[in-house]
Every structure is written in C-alpha cells, then in structure tokens.
C-alpha cells in the first residue's frame, strides 16, 4: 500500500543510507506528500531536507526520533513539528551525542576483547557519523568480514547478551517528552509493539506516555502485518491516543519499508496530522 503521509524516516544524518535530499526525492517519487525526517537524536539533516522538500513539492515536518528510558528499557519517541533550535531540545541532543560516543567506545573495547579489530571498526564508523548507532557498527562488522549481514552482526556480536552488547543510558521518558513539547513539538511513541514488554506493561507505558504529554502511537510502521496494525490500533483506542504512521525508512535496498509503503491507519483512530497541535499545513496539503 502507498500512503501520502510518512512520519518516520532516517537519513545519513543518523543511520539511514540516503542523504536528506535524496530521501526527500525518493519520497516524492513514491507519492509521499507529507514527510517527517526523524533521525535518531539529531536534527542535523533538517535544513537540507527542507530545501529539497520545497523543490520537490513535499511538505516536510521537522522531526526527530528521541531515545528514552522507561523502567530500564529503551523506547523511542517521535517528535513532530519541533523547533530544532529550541534550547532545551538542543541540550538534550548534546547529552545524547555524548552518550552515543561513550557507548561506541565501550563497544569498541568489547570487540577488541573478542579478538576483532575494534579500533579499525570505530574509525570506519566515525568516518561516517559523529553520532554512531549500533547499525553503523553492524555495517562496519560486515565490511571487515566479521559478519555476513547486519542481522548476523547483531545476532553474533551486538545484540542483547552478545560479546559487544552495551547498555545505553538515555534520559527518562518524562524528560524526553518535556523537551519535545518545550520545542513546540507533538509526540508519538514509535513502534510500540517492538519493545520486549508484556501486554500489561505495554499498556502502562502508553498510560505514562500520555500522562507526560504524549499524543499518539505509531499504529502502522513499515513492514508491520495487518494483525500488528490492528493490535496497535486497539492499544491506541484503549489509551485515548491518536495514531501516526511511518515507514521507518533506512535503506533503499530494503523493500518492506520504502517511503510511503504503509498500511492505512484504521478508521476509528484519529490521525495525529488532524490534531490541532500538529503543523497546520499537513491537513491542508492532504485535503487538496
């Protein structure tokens, strides 16, 4: 299915493989009319993306995907319509950049202890980005021949319980939401079914998310089955949350999460882009 709205995508500013401009162009070619660039814990790609969107006739929603901690687990918050220069958000992103470097150095030490060329791998990673993610390390492990695929790199080296696994120390969910809202944004909980939580804990996460100012759940995410979309929609309805949709695009070679390749938001769920707090032009563009 193709959706004219895609509110979750990544560029080379974080761990995507297309530049912000190339991502916007691909989205436009695939019929996306409202696109949010939501790189991990950075707004570095928004200026380039905005210029490309203006040329391509796409409405760019300035966004970010923020890492947060809830009961010891990492969760992700999508912020839409943020002011990328807002001081509290800028301070939060600086803090997260430092945490990413700390984690990268610890991953490097663990790779070295496992007999792999950790320093060489870190140099490869930092040549690509100053804000390394585990995906960057997975790609570097494939490049040096330590894994045959990114999935294998996580399974053998980087995933939970593996030799180079490193816990992250992100700010608390309520602090992340506070900074997002202070920057003028609205927040959606990204891919709520992907967290390792019981059904009851997931409901409690959504309740806390809403209590601290969260507006929506990402009901349809790239590659989700109809059953998962229905489950997420039911969760959103029970928690009184709106719905967002996004491909979680990273790689043009991955067919199941191309820009705009999304299931439709189920009819009973209020789309986040129709909420009064969402950037107003989104509804106008989609109604035109």
Protein backbone atom coordinates (compact mmCIF):
# COMPACT_ATOMS: atom_id res chain seq x y z
CA UNK A 1 0.00 0.00 0.00
CA UNK A 2 1.09 3.58 -0.59
CA UNK A 3 0.42 6.39 1.85
CA UNK A 4 0.73 10.13 1.14
CA UNK A 5 1.88 10.55 4.77
CA UNK A 6 5.13 9.14 6.13
CA UNK A 7 6.12 10.37 9.57
CA UNK A 8 9.16 8.18 10.31
CA UNK A 9 12.29 8.19 8.15
CA UNK A 10 16.07 8.29 8.53
CA UNK A 11 18.86 9.85 6.50
CA UNK A 12 22.66 9.87 6.62
CA UNK A 13 22.36 12.40 9.44
CA UNK A 14 21.81 9.29 11.60
CA UNK A 15 21.78 5.69 10.34
CA UNK A 16 20.00 5.98 7.00
CA UNK A 17 21.80 5.37 3.73
CA UNK A 18 20.39 8.30 1.71
CA UNK A 19 21.23 11.94 2.20
CA UNK A 20 18.32 14.07 3.41
CA UNK A 21 17.88 15.49 -0.10
CA UNK A 22 17.93 12.06 -1.75
CA UNK A 23 15.45 10.74 0.82
CA UNK A 24 13.04 13.58 0.08
CA UNK A 25 13.36 12.96 -3.65
CA UNK A 26 12.63 9.25 -3.25
CA UNK A 27 9.63 10.00 -1.05
CA UNK A 28 8.27 12.45 -3.64
CA UNK A 29 8.70 9.87 -6.41
CA UNK A 30 6.73 7.39 -4.34
CA UNK A 31 3.81 9.78 -3.85
CA UNK A 32 4.53 10.98 -0.32
CA UNK A 33 3.18 14.49 0.17
CA UNK A 34 3.81 14.93 3.90
CA UNK A 35 7.15 13.61 5.17
CA UNK A 36 8.79 13.78 8.59
CA UNK A 37 12.55 13.35 8.78
CA UNK A 38 13.11 11.74 12.19
CA UNK A 39 16.77 10.94 12.55
CA UNK A 40 17.98 9.36 15.77
CA UNK A 41 18.71 12.02 18.40
CA UNK A 42 19.75 14.64 15.86
CA UNK A 43 18.22 17.42 13.77
CA UNK A 44 21.34 17.83 11.60
CA UNK A 45 19.57 16.79 8.38
CA UNK A 46 16.54 19.06 8.61
CA UNK A 47 17.93 22.10 6.80
CA UNK A 48 19.00 20.10 3.75
CA UNK A 49 15.73 18.17 3.76
CA UNK A 50 13.67 21.37 3.93
CA UNK A 51 15.38 22.81 0.85
CA UNK A 52 14.85 19.59 -1.08
CA UNK A 53 11.22 19.34 0.03
CA UNK A 54 10.46 22.86 -1.15
CA UNK A 55 11.86 21.99 -4.58
CA UNK A 56 10.01 18.66 -4.75
CA UNK A 57 6.62 19.94 -3.59
CA UNK A 58 6.68 17.86 -0.40
CA UNK A 59 5.64 19.24 2.98
CA UNK A 60 8.50 18.47 5.35
CA UNK A 61 7.54 18.11 9.01
CA UNK A 62 10.66 18.82 11.10
CA UNK A 63 11.09 15.81 13.32
CA UNK A 64 13.41 13.72 15.45
CA UNK A 65 13.41 10.23 16.97
CA UNK A 66 14.44 10.58 20.59
CA UNK A 67 15.82 7.75 22.68
CA UNK A 68 14.35 7.47 26.17
CA UNK A 69 14.38 5.14 29.16
CA UNK A 70 11.22 3.70 30.72
CA UNK A 71 11.60 1.21 33.58
CA UNK A 72 15.10 0.37 32.45
CA UNK A 73 14.17 -0.23 28.82
CA UNK A 74 14.95 1.92 25.80
CA UNK A 75 11.90 3.30 24.00
CA UNK A 76 11.70 5.77 21.12
CA UNK A 77 9.71 8.98 20.91
CA UNK A 78 8.94 10.62 17.57
CA UNK A 79 8.76 14.39 17.85
CA UNK A 80 6.92 16.27 15.06
CA UNK A 81 6.84 19.99 14.35
CA UNK A 82 9.77 20.69 16.63
CA UNK A 83 11.86 23.86 16.61
CA UNK A 84 15.33 22.38 16.00
CA UNK A 85 16.95 25.38 17.68
CA UNK A 86 14.93 25.18 20.91
CA UNK A 87 17.42 25.38 23.80
CA UNK A 88 16.11 22.51 25.93
CA UNK A 89 15.99 20.20 22.92
CA UNK A 90 19.48 21.26 21.83
CA UNK A 91 20.84 20.49 25.31
CA UNK A 92 19.12 17.10 25.28
CA UNK A 93 20.59 16.24 21.87
CA UNK A 94 24.08 17.25 23.03
CA UNK A 95 23.69 14.92 26.01
CA UNK A 96 22.61 12.09 23.73
CA UNK A 97 25.53 12.67 21.37
CA UNK A 98 27.87 12.22 24.31
CA UNK A 99 26.11 9.02 25.32
CA UNK A 100 26.42 7.65 21.78
CA UNK A 101 30.19 8.27 21.83
CA UNK A 102 30.52 6.66 25.27
CA UNK A 103 28.63 3.61 24.06
CA UNK A 104 30.70 3.45 20.86
CA UNK A 105 33.94 3.44 22.84
CA UNK A 106 32.66 0.66 25.11
CA UNK A 107 31.51 -1.39 22.09
CA UNK A 108 35.00 -0.92 20.64
CA UNK A 109 36.66 -2.23 23.81
CA UNK A 110 34.39 -5.27 23.85
CA UNK A 111 35.06 -6.01 20.18
CA UNK A 112 38.80 -5.86 20.88
CA UNK A 113 38.40 -8.29 23.79
CA UNK A 114 36.53 -10.62 21.42
CA UNK A 115 39.52 -10.61 19.06
CA UNK A 116 38.10 -8.23 16.48
CA UNK A 117 39.73 -5.05 15.12
CA UNK A 118 37.65 -2.71 17.29
CA UNK A 119 39.78 0.40 16.74
CA UNK A 120 39.63 -0.04 12.97
CA UNK A 121 35.89 -0.60 13.13
CA UNK A 122 35.42 2.54 15.24
CA UNK A 123 37.45 4.58 12.74
CA UNK A 124 35.18 3.35 9.96
CA UNK A 125 32.09 4.25 11.99
CA UNK A 126 33.30 7.74 12.94
CA UNK A 127 34.28 8.43 9.33
CA UNK A 128 30.58 8.12 8.52
CA UNK A 129 28.97 9.83 11.50
CA UNK A 130 29.80 11.70 14.71
CA UNK A 131 26.70 10.14 16.32
CA UNK A 132 27.23 6.38 15.98
CA UNK A 133 24.41 3.89 16.29
CA UNK A 134 24.63 0.12 16.62
CA UNK A 135 23.56 -0.08 12.97
CA UNK A 136 26.75 1.75 11.99
CA UNK A 137 28.76 -0.86 13.90
CA UNK A 138 26.80 -3.67 12.23
CA UNK A 139 27.65 -2.28 8.80
CA UNK A 140 31.32 -1.95 9.78
CA UNK A 141 31.37 -5.55 11.02
CA UNK A 142 30.04 -6.69 7.65
CA UNK A 143 32.64 -4.56 5.87
CA UNK A 144 35.55 -6.12 7.79
CA UNK A 145 34.21 -9.65 7.26
CA UNK A 146 33.24 -10.32 10.87
CA UNK A 147 29.59 -10.88 9.86
CA UNK A 148 27.89 -11.75 6.58
CA UNK A 149 24.93 -9.42 7.19
CA UNK A 150 23.78 -6.72 9.57
CA UNK A 151 21.34 -9.15 11.15
CA UNK A 152 24.19 -11.58 11.75
CA UNK A 153 26.28 -8.80 13.29
CA UNK A 154 23.55 -8.19 15.85
CA UNK A 155 22.98 -11.90 16.44
CA UNK A 156 26.67 -12.68 16.93
CA UNK A 157 28.19 -9.50 18.35
CA UNK A 158 25.90 -6.57 19.20
CA UNK A 159 22.55 -7.93 20.36
CA UNK A 160 21.46 -8.46 23.93
CA UNK A 161 23.70 -10.96 25.72
CA UNK A 162 26.33 -10.92 22.96
CA UNK A 163 30.04 -10.11 23.49
CA UNK A 164 29.83 -6.47 22.34
CA UNK A 165 26.43 -5.64 23.81
CA UNK A 166 26.47 -2.34 25.72
CA UNK A 167 23.58 -0.92 27.69
CA UNK A 168 22.53 2.64 26.85
CA UNK A 169 21.78 5.30 29.43
CA UNK A 170 19.17 7.55 27.88
CA UNK A 171 17.19 10.26 29.70
CA UNK A 172 13.91 9.31 31.34
CA UNK A 173 10.80 9.23 29.18
CA UNK A 174 9.21 12.16 31.02
CA UNK A 175 12.31 14.35 30.45
CA UNK A 176 12.41 13.49 26.76
CA UNK A 177 8.73 14.36 26.41
CA UNK A 178 9.23 17.61 28.32
CA UNK A 179 11.98 18.71 25.92
CA UNK A 180 9.96 17.67 22.87
CA UNK A 181 6.94 19.66 24.00
CA UNK A 182 9.09 22.64 25.04
CA UNK A 183 10.39 22.70 21.46
CA UNK A 184 6.83 23.12 20.19
CA UNK A 185 6.53 19.50 19.09
CA UNK A 186 3.93 16.80 19.42
CA UNK A 187 4.99 13.28 20.35
CA UNK A 188 4.20 9.79 19.12
CA UNK A 189 5.51 6.58 20.66
CA UNK A 190 7.43 4.79 17.91
CA UNK A 191 6.67 1.14 17.02
CA UNK A 192 5.00 0.32 20.36
CA UNK A 193 4.81 -3.44 19.70
CA UNK A 194 8.55 -3.89 19.20
CA UNK A 195 9.51 -3.42 22.83
CA UNK A 196 10.07 -6.50 24.98
CA UNK A 197 7.11 -5.89 27.26
CA UNK A 198 4.15 -7.86 28.49
CA UNK A 199 0.74 -6.67 27.32
CA UNK A 200 0.13 -5.14 30.75
CA UNK A 201 3.47 -3.32 30.83
CA UNK A 202 2.85 -2.00 27.32
CA UNK A 203 -0.46 -0.53 28.46
CA UNK A 204 1.32 1.07 31.42
CA UNK A 205 3.97 2.52 29.11
CA UNK A 206 1.25 4.06 26.94
CA UNK A 207 -0.51 5.44 30.01
CA UNK A 208 2.71 7.05 31.27
CA UNK A 209 3.43 8.36 27.79
CA UNK A 210 0.03 10.04 27.64
CA UNK A 211 0.28 11.35 31.21
CA UNK A 212 3.51 13.17 30.38
CA UNK A 213 2.15 14.78 27.22
CA UNK A 214 2.40 12.13 24.50
CA UNK A 215 -0.28 12.46 21.84
CA UNK A 216 -0.14 9.37 19.62
CA UNK A 217 1.07 5.84 18.96
CA UNK A 218 2.75 4.80 15.74
CA UNK A 219 -0.03 2.44 14.69
CA UNK A 220 1.35 1.49 11.27
CA UNK A 221 5.10 1.12 10.82
CA UNK A 222 6.92 -0.16 7.75
CA UNK A 223 6.74 -3.93 7.41
CA UNK A 224 4.01 -4.38 10.03
CA UNK A 225 1.45 -7.08 9.31
CA UNK A 226 -2.29 -6.27 9.30
CA UNK A 227 -2.61 -8.09 12.63
CA UNK A 228 0.06 -5.91 14.24
CA UNK A 229 -1.56 -2.76 12.87
CA UNK A 230 -4.90 -3.87 14.31
CA UNK A 231 -3.29 -4.63 17.69
CA UNK A 232 -1.58 -1.24 17.81
CA UNK A 233 -4.81 0.50 16.79
CA UNK A 234 -6.67 -1.25 19.60
CA UNK A 235 -3.99 -0.16 22.05
CA UNK A 236 -4.21 3.44 20.86
CA UNK A 237 -8.00 3.43 21.13
CA UNK A 238 -7.95 2.00 24.66
CA UNK A 239 -5.40 4.57 25.79
CA UNK A 240 -7.12 7.54 24.16
CA UNK A 241 -4.20 8.24 21.85
CA UNK A 242 -4.16 9.39 18.23
CA UNK A 243 -2.34 7.42 15.54
CA UNK A 244 0.71 8.12 13.43
CA UNK A 245 2.16 6.17 10.51
CA UNK A 246 5.72 5.86 9.26
CA UNK A 247 7.89 3.60 7.14
CA UNK A 248 10.97 3.77 9.43
CA UNK A 249 12.91 4.04 6.17
CA UNK A 250 16.68 3.50 6.30
CA UNK A 251 17.84 1.70 3.17
CA UNK A 252 16.60 1.93 -0.43
CA UNK A 253 17.53 -1.74 -0.89
CA UNK A 254 15.08 -2.89 1.80
CA UNK A 255 11.72 -3.42 0.08
CA UNK A 256 9.36 -3.61 3.05
CA UNK A 257 9.90 -0.13 4.47
CA UNK A 258 10.22 2.17 1.49
CA UNK A 259 8.86 5.72 1.93
CA UNK A 260 5.07 5.65 1.88
CA UNK A 261 4.87 1.84 1.89
CA UNK A 262 2.38 1.62 4.73
CA UNK A 263 -0.87 0.11 5.81
CA UNK A 264 -3.68 2.62 6.18
CA UNK A 265 -4.48 3.99 9.60
CA UNK A 266 -7.61 2.13 10.77
CA UNK A 267 -10.68 4.33 10.51
CA UNK A 268 -11.58 4.66 14.22
CA UNK A 269 -8.16 6.13 15.04
CA UNK A 270 -7.74 9.91 14.91
CA UNK A 271 -4.73 10.73 12.67
CA UNK A 272 -2.16 12.80 14.51
CA UNK A 273 -1.88 15.13 11.50
CA UNK A 274 -5.50 16.22 12.03
CA UNK A 275 -4.84 17.24 15.64
CA UNK A 276 -4.87 21.00 16.26
CA UNK A 277 -1.35 20.81 17.72
CA UNK A 278 0.16 19.26 14.55
CA UNK A 279 1.71 21.58 11.93
CA UNK A 280 -1.40 23.04 10.33
CA UNK A 281 -0.43 22.76 6.69
CA UNK A 282 -0.35 18.96 6.79
CA UNK A 283 -4.13 18.70 6.83
CA UNK A 284 -4.39 21.33 4.09
CA UNK A 285 -1.90 19.54 1.83
CA UNK A 286 -3.64 16.21 2.24
CA UNK A 287 -7.08 17.72 1.64
CA UNK A 288 -6.02 19.46 -1.55
